[in-house]
Amino acid sequence: MPGFLKQFFWDVAFADLDARADYYFIIERLLELGNDRAIRWVLEQYTDAELLEVIKTSPRLSVKTGSFWRCYYHLQEDELRCLRPPSHRVDKGHWNY
């Protein structure tokens, strides 16, 4: 992996990342945090099928990121896990202690 991507992987051993074996993690991280250069690298490095797998199934992508890639690939909102409502119940009020 090119050295200019190291800044996006501050929390892992960058030298140990394998662009093929760790594709899901790498795509997920760079789609969420990458700059223009990193996104261009992702689009050149990975197939649409690999990108769509991550875009559709990742719970870690933000709504903003998911919405962008939904438009880019002309997907339906319910196809992206990150755009679906949470499966757990969210109470709007605070507990009374």
Protein backbone atom coordinates (compact mmCIF):
# COMPACT_ATOMS: atom_id res chain seq x y z
CA MET A 1 0.00 0.00 0.00
CA PRO A 2 1.29 3.46 -0.81
CA GLY A 3 2.75 5.48 2.05
CA PHE A 4 0.39 8.42 1.58
CA LEU A 5 -2.40 6.25 3.04
CA LYS A 6 -0.59 5.69 6.34
CA GLN A 7 -2.23 8.74 7.93
CA PHE A 8 -5.63 7.02 7.73
CA PHE A 9 -4.44 3.92 9.60
CA TRP A 10 -2.92 5.47 12.71
CA ASP A 11 -4.42 2.80 14.98
CA VAL A 12 -3.07 -0.31 13.24
CA ALA A 13 0.32 -1.57 12.06
CA PHE A 14 0.29 -0.04 8.58
CA ALA A 15 3.14 -2.23 7.33
CA ASP A 16 1.07 -5.34 8.15
CA LEU A 17 -1.95 -4.29 6.08
CA ASP A 18 -2.49 -6.31 2.94
CA ALA A 19 -4.47 -4.55 0.21
CA ARG A 20 -6.07 -7.84 -0.86
CA ALA A 21 -6.57 -9.70 2.42
CA ASP A 22 -7.71 -6.62 4.34
CA TYR A 23 -9.77 -5.09 1.53
CA TYR A 24 -12.98 -4.68 3.57
CA PHE A 25 -11.28 -2.79 6.40
CA ILE A 26 -9.23 -0.67 4.01
CA ILE A 27 -12.16 0.29 1.80
CA GLU A 28 -14.35 1.04 4.80
CA ARG A 29 -11.73 3.26 6.43
CA LEU A 30 -10.82 5.15 3.28
CA LEU A 31 -14.40 5.73 2.13
CA GLU A 32 -15.15 7.19 5.54
CA LEU A 33 -11.97 9.15 6.26
CA GLY A 34 -10.02 9.38 3.02
CA ASN A 35 -9.21 12.50 1.05
CA ASP A 36 -9.50 12.89 -2.74
CA ARG A 37 -6.22 11.09 -3.38
CA ALA A 38 -7.16 8.17 -1.12
CA ILE A 39 -10.59 7.81 -2.77
CA ARG A 40 -9.01 7.82 -6.23
CA TRP A 41 -6.66 5.05 -5.06
CA VAL A 42 -9.59 3.00 -3.73
CA LEU A 43 -11.50 3.37 -7.00
CA GLU A 44 -8.44 2.25 -8.99
CA GLN A 45 -7.48 -0.57 -6.66
CA TYR A 46 -10.80 -2.31 -6.00
CA THR A 47 -13.64 -3.56 -8.16
CA ASP A 48 -17.16 -2.18 -8.03
CA ALA A 49 -18.28 -5.50 -6.52
CA GLU A 50 -15.82 -5.11 -3.63
CA LEU A 51 -16.79 -1.49 -3.09
CA LEU A 52 -20.50 -2.28 -3.18
CA GLU A 53 -20.06 -5.12 -0.68
CA VAL A 54 -18.58 -2.67 1.82
CA ILE A 55 -20.98 0.17 1.00
CA LYS A 56 -24.03 -2.05 1.37
CA THR A 57 -23.02 -4.02 4.47
CA SER A 58 -20.86 -1.78 6.64
CA PRO A 59 -22.45 -0.58 9.88
CA ARG A 60 -19.51 1.79 10.44
CA LEU A 61 -20.05 4.13 7.51
CA SER A 62 -21.69 7.41 8.46
CA VAL A 63 -25.01 8.53 7.02
CA LYS A 64 -23.15 11.24 5.09
CA THR A 65 -20.74 8.73 3.52
CA GLY A 66 -23.48 6.20 2.84
CA SER A 67 -25.66 8.83 1.20
CA PHE A 68 -22.86 9.93 -1.10
CA TRP A 69 -22.09 6.40 -2.28
CA ARG A 70 -25.80 5.60 -2.58
CA CYS A 71 -26.08 8.44 -5.10
CA TYR A 72 -22.81 7.52 -6.82
CA TYR A 73 -23.96 3.93 -7.45
CA HIS A 74 -27.69 4.75 -7.84
CA LEU A 75 -28.71 2.52 -4.94
CA GLN A 76 -31.90 2.47 -2.91
CA GLU A 77 -31.65 3.75 0.66
CA ASP A 78 -32.76 0.43 2.16
CA GLU A 79 -29.87 -1.37 0.40
CA LEU A 80 -27.33 0.27 2.72
CA ARG A 81 -27.02 -0.97 6.26
CA CYS A 82 -25.67 2.37 7.47
CA LEU A 83 -28.85 4.14 6.28
CA ARG A 84 -31.35 1.79 7.89
CA PRO A 85 -32.89 2.67 11.25
CA PRO A 86 -31.22 0.94 14.20
CA SER A 87 -32.65 -2.43 15.14
CA HIS A 88 -32.60 -1.62 18.86
CA ARG A 89 -35.16 0.57 20.55
CA VAL A 90 -34.04 4.11 21.18
CA ASP A 91 -35.89 5.93 23.95
CA LYS A 92 -36.18 9.66 23.51
CA GLY A 93 -36.30 10.43 27.20
CA HIS A 94 -33.88 9.90 30.04
CA TRP A 95 -34.29 7.35 32.76
CA ASN A 96 -35.70 8.66 36.02
CA TYR A 97 -33.33 7.80 38.83
